[in-house]
Amino acid sequence: NDFWTRLSDNSSREDQLAYFQKKI
């Protein structure tokens, strides 16, 4: 997936939830 839209490799638990919420 392209660098700008994919989930970061070093994302924290909070980052992952924030990313998920943008996809739902």
PDBML (XML) file of the C-alpha atoms, coordinates in Angstrom:
<?xml version="1.0" encoding="UTF-8" ?>
<PDBx:datablock datablockName="MODEL"
   xmlns:PDBx="http://pdbml.pdb.org/schema/pdbx-v50.xsd"
   xmlns:xsi="http://www.w3.org/2001/XMLSchema-instance"
   xsi:schemaLocation="http://pdbml.pdb.org/schema/pdbx-v50.xsd pdbx-v50.xsd">
   <PDBx:atom_siteCategory>
      <PDBx:atom_site id="1">
         <PDBx:B_iso_or_equiv>0.00</PDBx:B_iso_or_equiv>
         <PDBx:Cartn_x>0.000</PDBx:Cartn_x>
         <PDBx:Cartn_y>0.000</PDBx:Cartn_y>
         <PDBx:Cartn_z>0.000</PDBx:Cartn_z>
         <PDBx:auth_asym_id>A</PDBx:auth_asym_id>
         <PDBx:auth_atom_id>CA</PDBx:auth_atom_id>
         <PDBx:auth_comp_id>ASN</PDBx:auth_comp_id>
         <PDBx:auth_seq_id>1</PDBx:auth_seq_id>
         <PDBx:group_PDB>ATOM</PDBx:group_PDB>
         <PDBx:label_alt_id xsi:nil="true" />
         <PDBx:label_asym_id>A</PDBx:label_asym_id>
         <PDBx:label_atom_id>CA</PDBx:label_atom_id>
         <PDBx:label_comp_id>ASN</PDBx:label_comp_id>
         <PDBx:label_entity_id>1</PDBx:label_entity_id>
         <PDBx:label_seq_id>1</PDBx:label_seq_id>
         <PDBx:occupancy>1.00</PDBx:occupancy>
         <PDBx:pdbx_PDB_model_num>1</PDBx:pdbx_PDB_model_num>
         <PDBx:type_symbol>C</PDBx:type_symbol>
      </PDBx:atom_site>
      <PDBx:atom_site id="2">
         <PDBx:B_iso_or_equiv>0.00</PDBx:B_iso_or_equiv>
         <PDBx:Cartn_x>1.214</PDBx:Cartn_x>
         <PDBx:Cartn_y>3.526</PDBx:Cartn_y>
         <PDBx:Cartn_z>-0.656</PDBx:Cartn_z>
         <PDBx:auth_asym_id>A</PDBx:auth_asym_id>
         <PDBx:auth_atom_id>CA</PDBx:auth_atom_id>
         <PDBx:auth_comp_id>ASP</PDBx:auth_comp_id>
         <PDBx:auth_seq_id>2</PDBx:auth_seq_id>
         <PDBx:group_PDB>ATOM</PDBx:group_PDB>
         <PDBx:label_alt_id xsi:nil="true" />
         <PDBx:label_asym_id>A</PDBx:label_asym_id>
         <PDBx:label_atom_id>CA</PDBx:label_atom_id>
         <PDBx:label_comp_id>ASP</PDBx:label_comp_id>
         <PDBx:label_entity_id>1</PDBx:label_entity_id>
         <PDBx:label_seq_id>2</PDBx:label_seq_id>
         <PDBx:occupancy>1.00</PDBx:occupancy>
         <PDBx:pdbx_PDB_model_num>1</PDBx:pdbx_PDB_model_num>
         <PDBx:type_symbol>C</PDBx:type_symbol>
      </PDBx:atom_site>
      <PDBx:atom_site id="3">
         <PDBx:B_iso_or_equiv>0.00</PDBx:B_iso_or_equiv>
         <PDBx:Cartn_x>3.275</PDBx:Cartn_x>
         <PDBx:Cartn_y>5.197</PDBx:Cartn_y>
         <PDBx:Cartn_z>2.042</PDBx:Cartn_z>
         <PDBx:auth_asym_id>A</PDBx:auth_asym_id>
         <PDBx:auth_atom_id>CA</PDBx:auth_atom_id>
         <PDBx:auth_comp_id>PHE</PDBx:auth_comp_id>
         <PDBx:auth_seq_id>3</PDBx:auth_seq_id>
         <PDBx:group_PDB>ATOM</PDBx:group_PDB>
         <PDBx:label_alt_id xsi:nil="true" />
         <PDBx:label_asym_id>A</PDBx:label_asym_id>
         <PDBx:label_atom_id>CA</PDBx:label_atom_id>
         <PDBx:label_comp_id>PHE</PDBx:label_comp_id>
         <PDBx:label_entity_id>1</PDBx:label_entity_id>
         <PDBx:label_seq_id>3</PDBx:label_seq_id>
         <PDBx:occupancy>1.00</PDBx:occupancy>
         <PDBx:pdbx_PDB_model_num>1</PDBx:pdbx_PDB_model_num>
         <PDBx:type_symbol>C</PDBx:type_symbol>
      </PDBx:atom_site>
      <PDBx:atom_site id="4">
         <PDBx:B_iso_or_equiv>0.00</PDBx:B_iso_or_equiv>
         <PDBx:Cartn_x>0.931</PDBx:Cartn_x>
         <PDBx:Cartn_y>8.123</PDBx:Cartn_y>
         <PDBx:Cartn_z>2.661</PDBx:Cartn_z>
         <PDBx:auth_asym_id>A</PDBx:auth_asym_id>
         <PDBx:auth_atom_id>CA</PDBx:auth_atom_id>
         <PDBx:auth_comp_id>TRP</PDBx:auth_comp_id>
         <PDBx:auth_seq_id>4</PDBx:auth_seq_id>
         <PDBx:group_PDB>ATOM</PDBx:group_PDB>
         <PDBx:label_alt_id xsi:nil="true" />
         <PDBx:label_asym_id>A</PDBx:label_asym_id>
         <PDBx:label_atom_id>CA</PDBx:label_atom_id>
         <PDBx:label_comp_id>TRP</PDBx:label_comp_id>
         <PDBx:label_entity_id>1</PDBx:label_entity_id>
         <PDBx:label_seq_id>4</PDBx:label_seq_id>
         <PDBx:occupancy>1.00</PDBx:occupancy>
         <PDBx:pdbx_PDB_model_num>1</PDBx:pdbx_PDB_model_num>
         <PDBx:type_symbol>C</PDBx:type_symbol>
      </PDBx:atom_site>
      <PDBx:atom_site id="5">
         <PDBx:B_iso_or_equiv>0.00</PDBx:B_iso_or_equiv>
         <PDBx:Cartn_x>-2.249</PDBx:Cartn_x>
         <PDBx:Cartn_y>6.164</PDBx:Cartn_y>
         <PDBx:Cartn_z>3.400</PDBx:Cartn_z>
         <PDBx:auth_asym_id>A</PDBx:auth_asym_id>
         <PDBx:auth_atom_id>CA</PDBx:auth_atom_id>
         <PDBx:auth_comp_id>THR</PDBx:auth_comp_id>
         <PDBx:auth_seq_id>5</PDBx:auth_seq_id>
         <PDBx:group_PDB>ATOM</PDBx:group_PDB>
         <PDBx:label_alt_id xsi:nil="true" />
         <PDBx:label_asym_id>A</PDBx:label_asym_id>
         <PDBx:label_atom_id>CA</PDBx:label_atom_id>
         <PDBx:label_comp_id>THR</PDBx:label_comp_id>
         <PDBx:label_entity_id>1</PDBx:label_entity_id>
         <PDBx:label_seq_id>5</PDBx:label_seq_id>
         <PDBx:occupancy>1.00</PDBx:occupancy>
         <PDBx:pdbx_PDB_model_num>1</PDBx:pdbx_PDB_model_num>
         <PDBx:type_symbol>C</PDBx:type_symbol>
      </PDBx:atom_site>
      <PDBx:atom_site id="6">
         <PDBx:B_iso_or_equiv>0.00</PDBx:B_iso_or_equiv>
         <PDBx:Cartn_x>-1.085</PDBx:Cartn_x>
         <PDBx:Cartn_y>2.914</PDBx:Cartn_y>
         <PDBx:Cartn_z>4.984</PDBx:Cartn_z>
         <PDBx:auth_asym_id>A</PDBx:auth_asym_id>
         <PDBx:auth_atom_id>CA</PDBx:auth_atom_id>
         <PDBx:auth_comp_id>ARG</PDBx:auth_comp_id>
         <PDBx:auth_seq_id>6</PDBx:auth_seq_id>
         <PDBx:group_PDB>ATOM</PDBx:group_PDB>
         <PDBx:label_alt_id xsi:nil="true" />
         <PDBx:label_asym_id>A</PDBx:label_asym_id>
         <PDBx:label_atom_id>CA</PDBx:label_atom_id>
         <PDBx:label_comp_id>ARG</PDBx:label_comp_id>
         <PDBx:label_entity_id>1</PDBx:label_entity_id>
         <PDBx:label_seq_id>6</PDBx:label_seq_id>
         <PDBx:occupancy>1.00</PDBx:occupancy>
         <PDBx:pdbx_PDB_model_num>1</PDBx:pdbx_PDB_model_num>
         <PDBx:type_symbol>C</PDBx:type_symbol>
      </PDBx:atom_site>
      <PDBx:atom_site id="7">
         <PDBx:B_iso_or_equiv>0.00</PDBx:B_iso_or_equiv>
         <PDBx:Cartn_x>-0.754</PDBx:Cartn_x>
         <PDBx:Cartn_y>2.331</PDBx:Cartn_y>
         <PDBx:Cartn_z>8.702</PDBx:Cartn_z>
         <PDBx:auth_asym_id>A</PDBx:auth_asym_id>
         <PDBx:auth_atom_id>CA</PDBx:auth_atom_id>
         <PDBx:auth_comp_id>LEU</PDBx:auth_comp_id>
         <PDBx:auth_seq_id>7</PDBx:auth_seq_id>
         <PDBx:group_PDB>ATOM</PDBx:group_PDB>
         <PDBx:label_alt_id xsi:nil="true" />
         <PDBx:label_asym_id>A</PDBx:label_asym_id>
         <PDBx:label_atom_id>CA</PDBx:label_atom_id>
         <PDBx:label_comp_id>LEU</PDBx:label_comp_id>
         <PDBx:label_entity_id>1</PDBx:label_entity_id>
         <PDBx:label_seq_id>7</PDBx:label_seq_id>
         <PDBx:occupancy>1.00</PDBx:occupancy>
         <PDBx:pdbx_PDB_model_num>1</PDBx:pdbx_PDB_model_num>
         <PDBx:type_symbol>C</PDBx:type_symbol>
      </PDBx:atom_site>
      <PDBx:atom_site id="8">
         <PDBx:B_iso_or_equiv>0.00</PDBx:B_iso_or_equiv>
         <PDBx:Cartn_x>2.678</PDBx:Cartn_x>
         <PDBx:Cartn_y>3.302</PDBx:Cartn_y>
         <PDBx:Cartn_z>9.994</PDBx:Cartn_z>
         <PDBx:auth_asym_id>A</PDBx:auth_asym_id>
         <PDBx:auth_atom_id>CA</PDBx:auth_atom_id>
         <PDBx:auth_comp_id>SER</PDBx:auth_comp_id>
         <PDBx:auth_seq_id>8</PDBx:auth_seq_id>
         <PDBx:group_PDB>ATOM</PDBx:group_PDB>
         <PDBx:label_alt_id xsi:nil="true" />
         <PDBx:label_asym_id>A</PDBx:label_asym_id>
         <PDBx:label_atom_id>CA</PDBx:label_atom_id>
         <PDBx:label_comp_id>SER</PDBx:label_comp_id>
         <PDBx:label_entity_id>1</PDBx:label_entity_id>
         <PDBx:label_seq_id>8</PDBx:label_seq_id>
         <PDBx:occupancy>1.00</PDBx:occupancy>
         <PDBx:pdbx_PDB_model_num>1</PDBx:pdbx_PDB_model_num>
         <PDBx:type_symbol>C</PDBx:type_symbol>
      </PDBx:atom_site>
      <PDBx:atom_site id="9">
         <PDBx:B_iso_or_equiv>0.00</PDBx:B_iso_or_equiv>
         <PDBx:Cartn_x>5.114</PDBx:Cartn_x>
         <PDBx:Cartn_y>0.521</PDBx:Cartn_y>
         <PDBx:Cartn_z>10.949</PDBx:Cartn_z>
         <PDBx:auth_asym_id>A</PDBx:auth_asym_id>
         <PDBx:auth_atom_id>CA</PDBx:auth_atom_id>
         <PDBx:auth_comp_id>ASP</PDBx:auth_comp_id>
         <PDBx:auth_seq_id>9</PDBx:auth_seq_id>
         <PDBx:group_PDB>ATOM</PDBx:group_PDB>
         <PDBx:label_alt_id xsi:nil="true" />
         <PDBx:label_asym_id>A</PDBx:label_asym_id>
         <PDBx:label_atom_id>CA</PDBx:label_atom_id>
         <PDBx:label_comp_id>ASP</PDBx:label_comp_id>
         <PDBx:label_entity_id>1</PDBx:label_entity_id>
         <PDBx:label_seq_id>9</PDBx:label_seq_id>
         <PDBx:occupancy>1.00</PDBx:occupancy>
         <PDBx:pdbx_PDB_model_num>1</PDBx:pdbx_PDB_model_num>
         <PDBx:type_symbol>C</PDBx:type_symbol>
      </PDBx:atom_site>
      <PDBx:atom_site id="10">
         <PDBx:B_iso_or_equiv>0.00</PDBx:B_iso_or_equiv>
         <PDBx:Cartn_x>5.812</PDBx:Cartn_x>
         <PDBx:Cartn_y>2.019</PDBx:Cartn_y>
         <PDBx:Cartn_z>14.375</PDBx:Cartn_z>
         <PDBx:auth_asym_id>A</PDBx:auth_asym_id>
         <PDBx:auth_atom_id>CA</PDBx:auth_atom_id>
         <PDBx:auth_comp_id>ASN</PDBx:auth_comp_id>
         <PDBx:auth_seq_id>10</PDBx:auth_seq_id>
         <PDBx:group_PDB>ATOM</PDBx:group_PDB>
         <PDBx:label_alt_id xsi:nil="true" />
         <PDBx:label_asym_id>A</PDBx:label_asym_id>
         <PDBx:label_atom_id>CA</PDBx:label_atom_id>
         <PDBx:label_comp_id>ASN</PDBx:label_comp_id>
         <PDBx:label_entity_id>1</PDBx:label_entity_id>
         <PDBx:label_seq_id>10</PDBx:label_seq_id>
         <PDBx:occupancy>1.00</PDBx:occupancy>
         <PDBx:pdbx_PDB_model_num>1</PDBx:pdbx_PDB_model_num>
         <PDBx:type_symbol>C</PDBx:type_symbol>
      </PDBx:atom_site>
      <PDBx:atom_site id="11">
         <PDBx:B_iso_or_equiv>0.00</PDBx:B_iso_or_equiv>
         <PDBx:Cartn_x>2.234</PDBx:Cartn_x>
         <PDBx:Cartn_y>3.054</PDBx:Cartn_y>
         <PDBx:Cartn_z>15.159</PDBx:Cartn_z>
         <PDBx:auth_asym_id>A</PDBx:auth_asym_id>
         <PDBx:auth_atom_id>CA</PDBx:auth_atom_id>
         <PDBx:auth_comp_id>SER</PDBx:auth_comp_id>
         <PDBx:auth_seq_id>11</PDBx:auth_seq_id>
         <PDBx:group_PDB>ATOM</PDBx:group_PDB>
         <PDBx:label_alt_id xsi:nil="true" />
         <PDBx:label_asym_id>A</PDBx:label_asym_id>
         <PDBx:label_atom_id>CA</PDBx:label_atom_id>
         <PDBx:label_comp_id>SER</PDBx:label_comp_id>
         <PDBx:label_entity_id>1</PDBx:label_entity_id>
         <PDBx:label_seq_id>11</PDBx:label_seq_id>
         <PDBx:occupancy>1.00</PDBx:occupancy>
         <PDBx:pdbx_PDB_model_num>1</PDBx:pdbx_PDB_model_num>
         <PDBx:type_symbol>C</PDBx:type_symbol>
      </PDBx:atom_site>
      <PDBx:atom_site id="12">
         <PDBx:B_iso_or_equiv>0.00</PDBx:B_iso_or_equiv>
         <PDBx:Cartn_x>1.170</PDBx:Cartn_x>
         <PDBx:Cartn_y>3.003</PDBx:Cartn_y>
         <PDBx:Cartn_z>18.793</PDBx:Cartn_z>
         <PDBx:auth_asym_id>A</PDBx:auth_asym_id>
         <PDBx:auth_atom_id>CA</PDBx:auth_atom_id>
         <PDBx:auth_comp_id>SER</PDBx:auth_comp_id>
         <PDBx:auth_seq_id>12</PDBx:auth_seq_id>
         <PDBx:group_PDB>ATOM</PDBx:group_PDB>
         <PDBx:label_alt_id xsi:nil="true" />
         <PDBx:label_asym_id>A</PDBx:label_asym_id>
         <PDBx:label_atom_id>CA</PDBx:label_atom_id>
         <PDBx:label_comp_id>SER</PDBx:label_comp_id>
         <PDBx:label_entity_id>1</PDBx:label_entity_id>
         <PDBx:label_seq_id>12</PDBx:label_seq_id>
         <PDBx:occupancy>1.00</PDBx:occupancy>
         <PDBx:pdbx_PDB_model_num>1</PDBx:pdbx_PDB_model_num>
         <PDBx:type_symbol>C</PDBx:type_symbol>
      </PDBx:atom_site>
      <PDBx:atom_site id="13">
         <PDBx:B_iso_or_equiv>0.00</PDBx:B_iso_or_equiv>
         <PDBx:Cartn_x>-2.039</PDBx:Cartn_x>
         <PDBx:Cartn_y>1.448</PDBx:Cartn_y>
         <PDBx:Cartn_z>20.099</PDBx:Cartn_z>
         <PDBx:auth_asym_id>A</PDBx:auth_asym_id>
         <PDBx:auth_atom_id>CA</PDBx:auth_atom_id>
         <PDBx:auth_comp_id>ARG</PDBx:auth_comp_id>
         <PDBx:auth_seq_id>13</PDBx:auth_seq_id>
         <PDBx:group_PDB>ATOM</PDBx:group_PDB>
         <PDBx:label_alt_id xsi:nil="true" />
         <PDBx:label_asym_id>A</PDBx:label_asym_id>
         <PDBx:label_atom_id>CA</PDBx:label_atom_id>
         <PDBx:label_comp_id>ARG</PDBx:label_comp_id>
         <PDBx:label_entity_id>1</PDBx:label_entity_id>
         <PDBx:label_seq_id>13</PDBx:label_seq_id>
         <PDBx:occupancy>1.00</PDBx:occupancy>
         <PDBx:pdbx_PDB_model_num>1</PDBx:pdbx_PDB_model_num>
         <PDBx:type_symbol>C</PDBx:type_symbol>
      </PDBx:atom_site>
      <PDBx:atom_site id="14">
         <PDBx:B_iso_or_equiv>0.00</PDBx:B_iso_or_equiv>
         <PDBx:Cartn_x>-3.648</PDBx:Cartn_x>
         <PDBx:Cartn_y>4.889</PDBx:Cartn_y>
         <PDBx:Cartn_z>20.074</PDBx:Cartn_z>
         <PDBx:auth_asym_id>A</PDBx:auth_asym_id>
         <PDBx:auth_atom_id>CA</PDBx:auth_atom_id>
         <PDBx:auth_comp_id>GLU</PDBx:auth_comp_id>
         <PDBx:auth_seq_id>14</PDBx:auth_seq_id>
         <PDBx:group_PDB>ATOM</PDBx:group_PDB>
         <PDBx:label_alt_id xsi:nil="true" />
         <PDBx:label_asym_id>A</PDBx:label_asym_id>
         <PDBx:label_atom_id>CA</PDBx:label_atom_id>
         <PDBx:label_comp_id>GLU</PDBx:label_comp_id>
         <PDBx:label_entity_id>1</PDBx:label_entity_id>
         <PDBx:label_seq_id>14</PDBx:label_seq_id>
         <PDBx:occupancy>1.00</PDBx:occupancy>
         <PDBx:pdbx_PDB_model_num>1</PDBx:pdbx_PDB_model_num>
         <PDBx:type_symbol>C</PDBx:type_symbol>
      </PDBx:atom_site>
      <PDBx:atom_site id="15">
         <PDBx:B_iso_or_equiv>0.00</PDBx:B_iso_or_equiv>
         <PDBx:Cartn_x>-2.475</PDBx:Cartn_x>
         <PDBx:Cartn_y>5.517</PDBx:Cartn_y>
         <PDBx:Cartn_z>16.490</PDBx:Cartn_z>
         <PDBx:auth_asym_id>A</PDBx:auth_asym_id>
         <PDBx:auth_atom_id>CA</PDBx:auth_atom_id>
         <PDBx:auth_comp_id>ASP</PDBx:auth_comp_id>
         <PDBx:auth_seq_id>15</PDBx:auth_seq_id>
         <PDBx:group_PDB>ATOM</PDBx:group_PDB>
         <PDBx:label_alt_id xsi:nil="true" />
         <PDBx:label_asym_id>A</PDBx:label_asym_id>
         <PDBx:label_atom_id>CA</PDBx:label_atom_id>
         <PDBx:label_comp_id>ASP</PDBx:label_comp_id>
         <PDBx:label_entity_id>1</PDBx:label_entity_id>
         <PDBx:label_seq_id>15</PDBx:label_seq_id>
         <PDBx:occupancy>1.00</PDBx:occupancy>
         <PDBx:pdbx_PDB_model_num>1</PDBx:pdbx_PDB_model_num>
         <PDBx:type_symbol>C</PDBx:type_symbol>
      </PDBx:atom_site>
      <PDBx:atom_site id="16">
         <PDBx:B_iso_or_equiv>0.00</PDBx:B_iso_or_equiv>
         <PDBx:Cartn_x>-3.932</PDBx:Cartn_x>
         <PDBx:Cartn_y>2.194</PDBx:Cartn_y>
         <PDBx:Cartn_z>15.370</PDBx:Cartn_z>
         <PDBx:auth_asym_id>A</PDBx:auth_asym_id>
         <PDBx:auth_atom_id>CA</PDBx:auth_atom_id>
         <PDBx:auth_comp_id>GLN</PDBx:auth_comp_id>
         <PDBx:auth_seq_id>16</PDBx:auth_seq_id>
         <PDBx:group_PDB>ATOM</PDBx:group_PDB>
         <PDBx:label_alt_id xsi:nil="true" />
         <PDBx:label_asym_id>A</PDBx:label_asym_id>
         <PDBx:label_atom_id>CA</PDBx:label_atom_id>
         <PDBx:label_comp_id>GLN</PDBx:label_comp_id>
         <PDBx:label_entity_id>1</PDBx:label_entity_id>
         <PDBx:label_seq_id>16</PDBx:label_seq_id>
         <PDBx:occupancy>1.00</PDBx:occupancy>
         <PDBx:pdbx_PDB_model_num>1</PDBx:pdbx_PDB_model_num>
         <PDBx:type_symbol>C</PDBx:type_symbol>
      </PDBx:atom_site>
      <PDBx:atom_site id="17">
         <PDBx:B_iso_or_equiv>0.00</PDBx:B_iso_or_equiv>
         <PDBx:Cartn_x>-7.319</PDBx:Cartn_x>
         <PDBx:Cartn_y>2.992</PDBx:Cartn_y>
         <PDBx:Cartn_z>16.897</PDBx:Cartn_z>
         <PDBx:auth_asym_id>A</PDBx:auth_asym_id>
         <PDBx:auth_atom_id>CA</PDBx:auth_atom_id>
         <PDBx:auth_comp_id>LEU</PDBx:auth_comp_id>
         <PDBx:auth_seq_id>17</PDBx:auth_seq_id>
         <PDBx:group_PDB>ATOM</PDBx:group_PDB>
         <PDBx:label_alt_id xsi:nil="true" />
         <PDBx:label_asym_id>A</PDBx:label_asym_id>
         <PDBx:label_atom_id>CA</PDBx:label_atom_id>
         <PDBx:label_comp_id>LEU</PDBx:label_comp_id>
         <PDBx:label_entity_id>1</PDBx:label_entity_id>
         <PDBx:label_seq_id>17</PDBx:label_seq_id>
         <PDBx:occupancy>1.00</PDBx:occupancy>
         <PDBx:pdbx_PDB_model_num>1</PDBx:pdbx_PDB_model_num>
         <PDBx:type_symbol>C</PDBx:type_symbol>
      </PDBx:atom_site>
      <PDBx:atom_site id="18">
         <PDBx:B_iso_or_equiv>0.00</PDBx:B_iso_or_equiv>
         <PDBx:Cartn_x>-7.348</PDBx:Cartn_x>
         <PDBx:Cartn_y>6.479</PDBx:Cartn_y>
         <PDBx:Cartn_z>15.355</PDBx:Cartn_z>
         <PDBx:auth_asym_id>A</PDBx:auth_asym_id>
         <PDBx:auth_atom_id>CA</PDBx:auth_atom_id>
         <PDBx:auth_comp_id>ALA</PDBx:auth_comp_id>
         <PDBx:auth_seq_id>18</PDBx:auth_seq_id>
         <PDBx:group_PDB>ATOM</PDBx:group_PDB>
         <PDBx:label_alt_id xsi:nil="true" />
         <PDBx:label_asym_id>A</PDBx:label_asym_id>
         <PDBx:label_atom_id>CA</PDBx:label_atom_id>
         <PDBx:label_comp_id>ALA</PDBx:label_comp_id>
         <PDBx:label_entity_id>1</PDBx:label_entity_id>
         <PDBx:label_seq_id>18</PDBx:label_seq_id>
         <PDBx:occupancy>1.00</PDBx:occupancy>
         <PDBx:pdbx_PDB_model_num>1</PDBx:pdbx_PDB_model_num>
         <PDBx:type_symbol>C</PDBx:type_symbol>
      </PDBx:atom_site>
      <PDBx:atom_site id="19">
         <PDBx:B_iso_or_equiv>0.00</PDBx:B_iso_or_equiv>
         <PDBx:Cartn_x>-6.459</PDBx:Cartn_x>
         <PDBx:Cartn_y>4.994</PDBx:Cartn_y>
         <PDBx:Cartn_z>11.948</PDBx:Cartn_z>
         <PDBx:auth_asym_id>A</PDBx:auth_asym_id>
         <PDBx:auth_atom_id>CA</PDBx:auth_atom_id>
         <PDBx:auth_comp_id>TYR</PDBx:auth_comp_id>
         <PDBx:auth_seq_id>19</PDBx:auth_seq_id>
         <PDBx:group_PDB>ATOM</PDBx:group_PDB>
         <PDBx:label_alt_id xsi:nil="true" />
         <PDBx:label_asym_id>A</PDBx:label_asym_id>
         <PDBx:label_atom_id>CA</PDBx:label_atom_id>
         <PDBx:label_comp_id>TYR</PDBx:label_comp_id>
         <PDBx:label_entity_id>1</PDBx:label_entity_id>
         <PDBx:label_seq_id>19</PDBx:label_seq_id>
         <PDBx:occupancy>1.00</PDBx:occupancy>
         <PDBx:pdbx_PDB_model_num>1</PDBx:pdbx_PDB_model_num>
         <PDBx:type_symbol>C</PDBx:type_symbol>
      </PDBx:atom_site>
      <PDBx:atom_site id="20">
         <PDBx:B_iso_or_equiv>0.00</PDBx:B_iso_or_equiv>
         <PDBx:Cartn_x>-9.173</PDBx:Cartn_x>
         <PDBx:Cartn_y>2.333</PDBx:Cartn_y>
         <PDBx:Cartn_z>12.292</PDBx:Cartn_z>
         <PDBx:auth_asym_id>A</PDBx:auth_asym_id>
         <PDBx:auth_atom_id>CA</PDBx:auth_atom_id>
         <PDBx:auth_comp_id>PHE</PDBx:auth_comp_id>
         <PDBx:auth_seq_id>20</PDBx:auth_seq_id>
         <PDBx:group_PDB>ATOM</PDBx:group_PDB>
         <PDBx:label_alt_id xsi:nil="true" />
         <PDBx:label_asym_id>A</PDBx:label_asym_id>
         <PDBx:label_atom_id>CA</PDBx:label_atom_id>
         <PDBx:label_comp_id>PHE</PDBx:label_comp_id>
         <PDBx:label_entity_id>1</PDBx:label_entity_id>
         <PDBx:label_seq_id>20</PDBx:label_seq_id>
         <PDBx:occupancy>1.00</PDBx:occupancy>
         <PDBx:pdbx_PDB_model_num>1</PDBx:pdbx_PDB_model_num>
         <PDBx:type_symbol>C</PDBx:type_symbol>
      </PDBx:atom_site>
      <PDBx:atom_site id="21">
         <PDBx:B_iso_or_equiv>0.00</PDBx:B_iso_or_equiv>
         <PDBx:Cartn_x>-11.786</PDBx:Cartn_x>
         <PDBx:Cartn_y>4.948</PDBx:Cartn_y>
         <PDBx:Cartn_z>13.203</PDBx:Cartn_z>
         <PDBx:auth_asym_id>A</PDBx:auth_asym_id>
         <PDBx:auth_atom_id>CA</PDBx:auth_atom_id>
         <PDBx:auth_comp_id>GLN</PDBx:auth_comp_id>
         <PDBx:auth_seq_id>21</PDBx:auth_seq_id>
         <PDBx:group_PDB>ATOM</PDBx:group_PDB>
         <PDBx:label_alt_id xsi:nil="true" />
         <PDBx:label_asym_id>A</PDBx:label_asym_id>
         <PDBx:label_atom_id>CA</PDBx:label_atom_id>
         <PDBx:label_comp_id>GLN</PDBx:label_comp_id>
         <PDBx:label_entity_id>1</PDBx:label_entity_id>
         <PDBx:label_seq_id>21</PDBx:label_seq_id>
         <PDBx:occupancy>1.00</PDBx:occupancy>
         <PDBx:pdbx_PDB_model_num>1</PDBx:pdbx_PDB_model_num>
         <PDBx:type_symbol>C</PDBx:type_symbol>
      </PDBx:atom_site>
      <PDBx:atom_site id="22">
         <PDBx:B_iso_or_equiv>0.00</PDBx:B_iso_or_equiv>
         <PDBx:Cartn_x>-11.037</PDBx:Cartn_x>
         <PDBx:Cartn_y>6.793</PDBx:Cartn_y>
         <PDBx:Cartn_z>9.953</PDBx:Cartn_z>
         <PDBx:auth_asym_id>A</PDBx:auth_asym_id>
         <PDBx:auth_atom_id>CA</PDBx:auth_atom_id>
         <PDBx:auth_comp_id>LYS</PDBx:auth_comp_id>
         <PDBx:auth_seq_id>22</PDBx:auth_seq_id>
         <PDBx:group_PDB>ATOM</PDBx:group_PDB>
         <PDBx:label_alt_id xsi:nil="true" />
         <PDBx:label_asym_id>A</PDBx:label_asym_id>
         <PDBx:label_atom_id>CA</PDBx:label_atom_id>
         <PDBx:label_comp_id>LYS</PDBx:label_comp_id>
         <PDBx:label_entity_id>1</PDBx:label_entity_id>
         <PDBx:label_seq_id>22</PDBx:label_seq_id>
         <PDBx:occupancy>1.00</PDBx:occupancy>
         <PDBx:pdbx_PDB_model_num>1</PDBx:pdbx_PDB_model_num>
         <PDBx:type_symbol>C</PDBx:type_symbol>
      </PDBx:atom_site>
      <PDBx:atom_site id="23">
         <PDBx:B_iso_or_equiv>0.00</PDBx:B_iso_or_equiv>
         <PDBx:Cartn_x>-11.765</PDBx:Cartn_x>
         <PDBx:Cartn_y>3.600</PDBx:Cartn_y>
         <PDBx:Cartn_z>8.010</PDBx:Cartn_z>
         <PDBx:auth_asym_id>A</PDBx:auth_asym_id>
         <PDBx:auth_atom_id>CA</PDBx:auth_atom_id>
         <PDBx:auth_comp_id>LYS</PDBx:auth_comp_id>
         <PDBx:auth_seq_id>23</PDBx:auth_seq_id>
         <PDBx:group_PDB>ATOM</PDBx:group_PDB>
         <PDBx:label_alt_id xsi:nil="true" />
         <PDBx:label_asym_id>A</PDBx:label_asym_id>
         <PDBx:label_atom_id>CA</PDBx:label_atom_id>
         <PDBx:label_comp_id>LYS</PDBx:label_comp_id>
         <PDBx:label_entity_id>1</PDBx:label_entity_id>
         <PDBx:label_seq_id>23</PDBx:label_seq_id>
         <PDBx:occupancy>1.00</PDBx:occupancy>
         <PDBx:pdbx_PDB_model_num>1</PDBx:pdbx_PDB_model_num>
         <PDBx:type_symbol>C</PDBx:type_symbol>
      </PDBx:atom_site>
      <PDBx:atom_site id="24">
         <PDBx:B_iso_or_equiv>0.00</PDBx:B_iso_or_equiv>
         <PDBx:Cartn_x>-15.102</PDBx:Cartn_x>
         <PDBx:Cartn_y>3.024</PDBx:Cartn_y>
         <PDBx:Cartn_z>9.769</PDBx:Cartn_z>
         <PDBx:auth_asym_id>A</PDBx:auth_asym_id>
         <PDBx:auth_atom_id>CA</PDBx:auth_atom_id>
         <PDBx:auth_comp_id>ILE</PDBx:auth_comp_id>
         <PDBx:auth_seq_id>24</PDBx:auth_seq_id>
         <PDBx:group_PDB>ATOM</PDBx:group_PDB>
         <PDBx:label_alt_id xsi:nil="true" />
         <PDBx:label_asym_id>A</PDBx:label_asym_id>
         <PDBx:label_atom_id>CA</PDBx:label_atom_id>
         <PDBx:label_comp_id>ILE</PDBx:label_comp_id>
         <PDBx:label_entity_id>1</PDBx:label_entity_id>
         <PDBx:label_seq_id>24</PDBx:label_seq_id>
         <PDBx:occupancy>1.00</PDBx:occupancy>
         <PDBx:pdbx_PDB_model_num>1</PDBx:pdbx_PDB_model_num>
         <PDBx:type_symbol>C</PDBx:type_symbol>
      </PDBx:atom_site>
   </PDBx:atom_siteCategory>
</PDBx:datablock>
